[in-house]
Amino acid sequence: MKASSDFQKRILGYGLLTADILYRLPDHPKLLQSFLWQTEDLAPHFPELTKFLSYWEREIEGRIHSVRIAHQKLVEPVDYRFADGEIVIH
């Protein structure tokens, strides 16, 4: 049985990337617009984001003003805590 590509990505350290892209359109240069984009990406180099921004620069007329990102790993060490008591029913 072969592991799914999603599972393999998580084991390799990929996480959920959210990018908030502020850009300007040529016909309204004083107006900043926002585009929110999410994908799974690998920190700290973010190859998927880099590909997407390269595509944007080539194909979309809106000039990028700034990009803010948030990244959360999908698999992390498990958080745990010890129980301080026990509840017994019956």
C-alpha atoms as a PDB file:
ATOM      1  CA  MET A   1       0.000   0.000   0.000  1.00  0.00           C
ATOM      2  CA  LYS A   2       1.424   3.358  -1.035  1.00  0.00           C
ATOM      3  CA  ALA A   3       1.150   6.417   1.221  1.00  0.00           C
ATOM      4  CA  SER A   4      -0.867   9.345  -0.147  1.00  0.00           C
ATOM      5  CA  SER A   5       0.979  12.402  -1.418  1.00  0.00           C
ATOM      6  CA  ASP A   6      -0.764  14.523   1.269  1.00  0.00           C
ATOM      7  CA  PHE A   7       0.611  12.269   3.993  1.00  0.00           C
ATOM      8  CA  GLN A   8       4.093  12.358   2.440  1.00  0.00           C
ATOM      9  CA  LYS A   9       3.996  16.168   2.341  1.00  0.00           C
ATOM     10  CA  ARG A  10       3.077  16.327   6.014  1.00  0.00           C
ATOM     11  CA  ILE A  11       5.913  13.998   6.988  1.00  0.00           C
ATOM     12  CA  LEU A  12       8.349  16.136   4.949  1.00  0.00           C
ATOM     13  CA  GLY A  13       7.350  19.210   6.981  1.00  0.00           C
ATOM     14  CA  TYR A  14       4.854  20.931   4.717  1.00  0.00           C
ATOM     15  CA  GLY A  15       2.322  23.143   6.444  1.00  0.00           C
ATOM     16  CA  LEU A  16      -0.661  25.328   5.696  1.00  0.00           C
ATOM     17  CA  LEU A  17       0.438  28.633   4.172  1.00  0.00           C
ATOM     18  CA  THR A  18      -1.898  31.629   4.065  1.00  0.00           C
ATOM     19  CA  ALA A  19      -0.716  34.581   1.978  1.00  0.00           C
ATOM     20  CA  ASP A  20      -2.436  37.967   2.056  1.00  0.00           C
ATOM     21  CA  ILE A  21      -1.373  39.724  -1.149  1.00  0.00           C
ATOM     22  CA  LEU A  22      -1.967  43.467  -1.453  1.00  0.00           C
ATOM     23  CA  TYR A  23      -1.869  44.713  -5.030  1.00  0.00           C
ATOM     24  CA  ARG A  24      -2.785  47.638  -7.270  1.00  0.00           C
ATOM     25  CA  LEU A  25      -4.592  47.474 -10.595  1.00  0.00           C
ATOM     26  CA  PRO A  26      -3.402  49.772 -13.424  1.00  0.00           C
ATOM     27  CA  ASP A  27      -6.801  51.489 -13.803  1.00  0.00           C
ATOM     28  CA  HIS A  28      -6.994  52.321 -10.037  1.00  0.00           C
ATOM     29  CA  PRO A  29      -3.362  52.869  -8.898  1.00  0.00           C
ATOM     30  CA  LYS A  30      -4.305  54.564  -5.593  1.00  0.00           C
ATOM     31  CA  LEU A  31      -6.541  51.691  -4.486  1.00  0.00           C
ATOM     32  CA  LEU A  32      -4.996  48.703  -2.694  1.00  0.00           C
ATOM     33  CA  GLN A  33      -6.845  45.427  -3.168  1.00  0.00           C
ATOM     34  CA  SER A  34      -6.403  42.207  -1.234  1.00  0.00           C
ATOM     35  CA  PHE A  35      -6.168  38.618  -2.433  1.00  0.00           C
ATOM     36  CA  LEU A  36      -6.079  35.783   0.120  1.00  0.00           C
ATOM     37  CA  TRP A  37      -4.407  32.548  -1.028  1.00  0.00           C
ATOM     38  CA  GLN A  38      -3.872  29.240   0.792  1.00  0.00           C
ATOM     39  CA  THR A  39      -1.861  26.154  -0.062  1.00  0.00           C
ATOM     40  CA  GLU A  40       0.421  23.592   1.530  1.00  0.00           C
ATOM     41  CA  ASP A  41       4.026  24.793   1.434  1.00  0.00           C
ATOM     42  CA  LEU A  42       7.427  24.064   2.918  1.00  0.00           C
ATOM     43  CA  ALA A  43       8.983  26.653   5.244  1.00  0.00           C
ATOM     44  CA  PRO A  44      11.315  28.551   5.192  1.00  0.00           C
ATOM     45  CA  HIS A  45      11.843  28.661   1.400  1.00  0.00           C
ATOM     46  CA  PHE A  46       8.150  28.429   0.380  1.00  0.00           C
ATOM     47  CA  PRO A  47       8.571  26.946  -3.130  1.00  0.00           C
ATOM     48  CA  GLU A  48       4.812  26.938  -3.878  1.00  0.00           C
ATOM     49  CA  LEU A  49       4.438  30.600  -2.903  1.00  0.00           C
ATOM     50  CA  THR A  50       7.488  31.514  -4.990  1.00  0.00           C
ATOM     51  CA  LYS A  51       5.983  29.763  -8.040  1.00  0.00           C
ATOM     52  CA  PHE A  52       2.635  31.478  -7.494  1.00  0.00           C
ATOM     53  CA  LEU A  53       4.166  34.946  -7.137  1.00  0.00           C
ATOM     54  CA  SER A  54       6.277  34.372 -10.275  1.00  0.00           C
ATOM     55  CA  TYR A  55       3.100  33.428 -12.138  1.00  0.00           C
ATOM     56  CA  TRP A  56       1.364  36.556 -10.782  1.00  0.00           C
ATOM     57  CA  GLU A  57       4.206  38.814 -11.939  1.00  0.00           C
ATOM     58  CA  ARG A  58       4.134  37.269 -15.455  1.00  0.00           C
ATOM     59  CA  GLU A  59       0.404  36.878 -16.061  1.00  0.00           C
ATOM     60  CA  ILE A  60      -1.585  39.313 -13.900  1.00  0.00           C
ATOM     61  CA  GLU A  61      -1.663  43.071 -14.459  1.00  0.00           C
ATOM     62  CA  GLY A  62      -2.031  43.903 -10.770  1.00  0.00           C
ATOM     63  CA  ARG A  63       1.310  45.074  -9.368  1.00  0.00           C
ATOM     64  CA  ILE A  64       2.067  43.499  -5.982  1.00  0.00           C
ATOM     65  CA  HIS A  65       2.440  45.984  -3.135  1.00  0.00           C
ATOM     66  CA  SER A  66       3.153  43.535  -0.298  1.00  0.00           C
ATOM     67  CA  VAL A  67       2.698  39.931   0.815  1.00  0.00           C
ATOM     68  CA  ARG A  68       2.027  38.863   4.413  1.00  0.00           C
ATOM     69  CA  ILE A  69       2.225  35.188   5.223  1.00  0.00           C
ATOM     70  CA  ALA A  70       1.238  32.870   8.040  1.00  0.00           C
ATOM     71  CA  HIS A  71       2.434  29.270   8.176  1.00  0.00           C
ATOM     72  CA  GLN A  72       1.409  26.415  10.452  1.00  0.00           C
ATOM     73  CA  LYS A  73       2.947  22.952  10.283  1.00  0.00           C
ATOM     74  CA  LEU A  74       0.377  20.233   9.782  1.00  0.00           C
ATOM     75  CA  VAL A  75       2.208  17.641  11.868  1.00  0.00           C
ATOM     76  CA  GLU A  76       3.877  18.683  15.115  1.00  0.00           C
ATOM     77  CA  PRO A  77       4.862  16.929  18.312  1.00  0.00           C
ATOM     78  CA  VAL A  78       1.745  16.067  20.251  1.00  0.00           C
ATOM     79  CA  ASP A  79       0.860  18.353  23.134  1.00  0.00           C
ATOM     80  CA  TYR A  80      -0.062  16.441  26.245  1.00  0.00           C
ATOM     81  CA  ARG A  81      -0.727  17.010  29.898  1.00  0.00           C
ATOM     82  CA  PHE A  82      -1.142  14.692  32.813  1.00  0.00           C
ATOM     83  CA  ALA A  83      -4.539  14.362  34.441  1.00  0.00           C
ATOM     84  CA  ASP A  84      -4.664  15.591  38.009  1.00  0.00           C
ATOM     85  CA  GLY A  85      -7.596  13.411  38.968  1.00  0.00           C
ATOM     86  CA  GLU A  86      -9.897  10.613  37.919  1.00  0.00           C
ATOM     87  CA  ILE A  87     -13.659  10.479  37.651  1.00  0.00           C
ATOM     88  CA  VAL A  88     -15.172   7.028  38.069  1.00  0.00           C
ATOM     89  CA  ILE A  89     -18.709   6.375  36.931  1.00  0.00           C
ATOM     90  CA  HIS A  90     -20.233   3.085  38.095  1.00  0.00           C
END
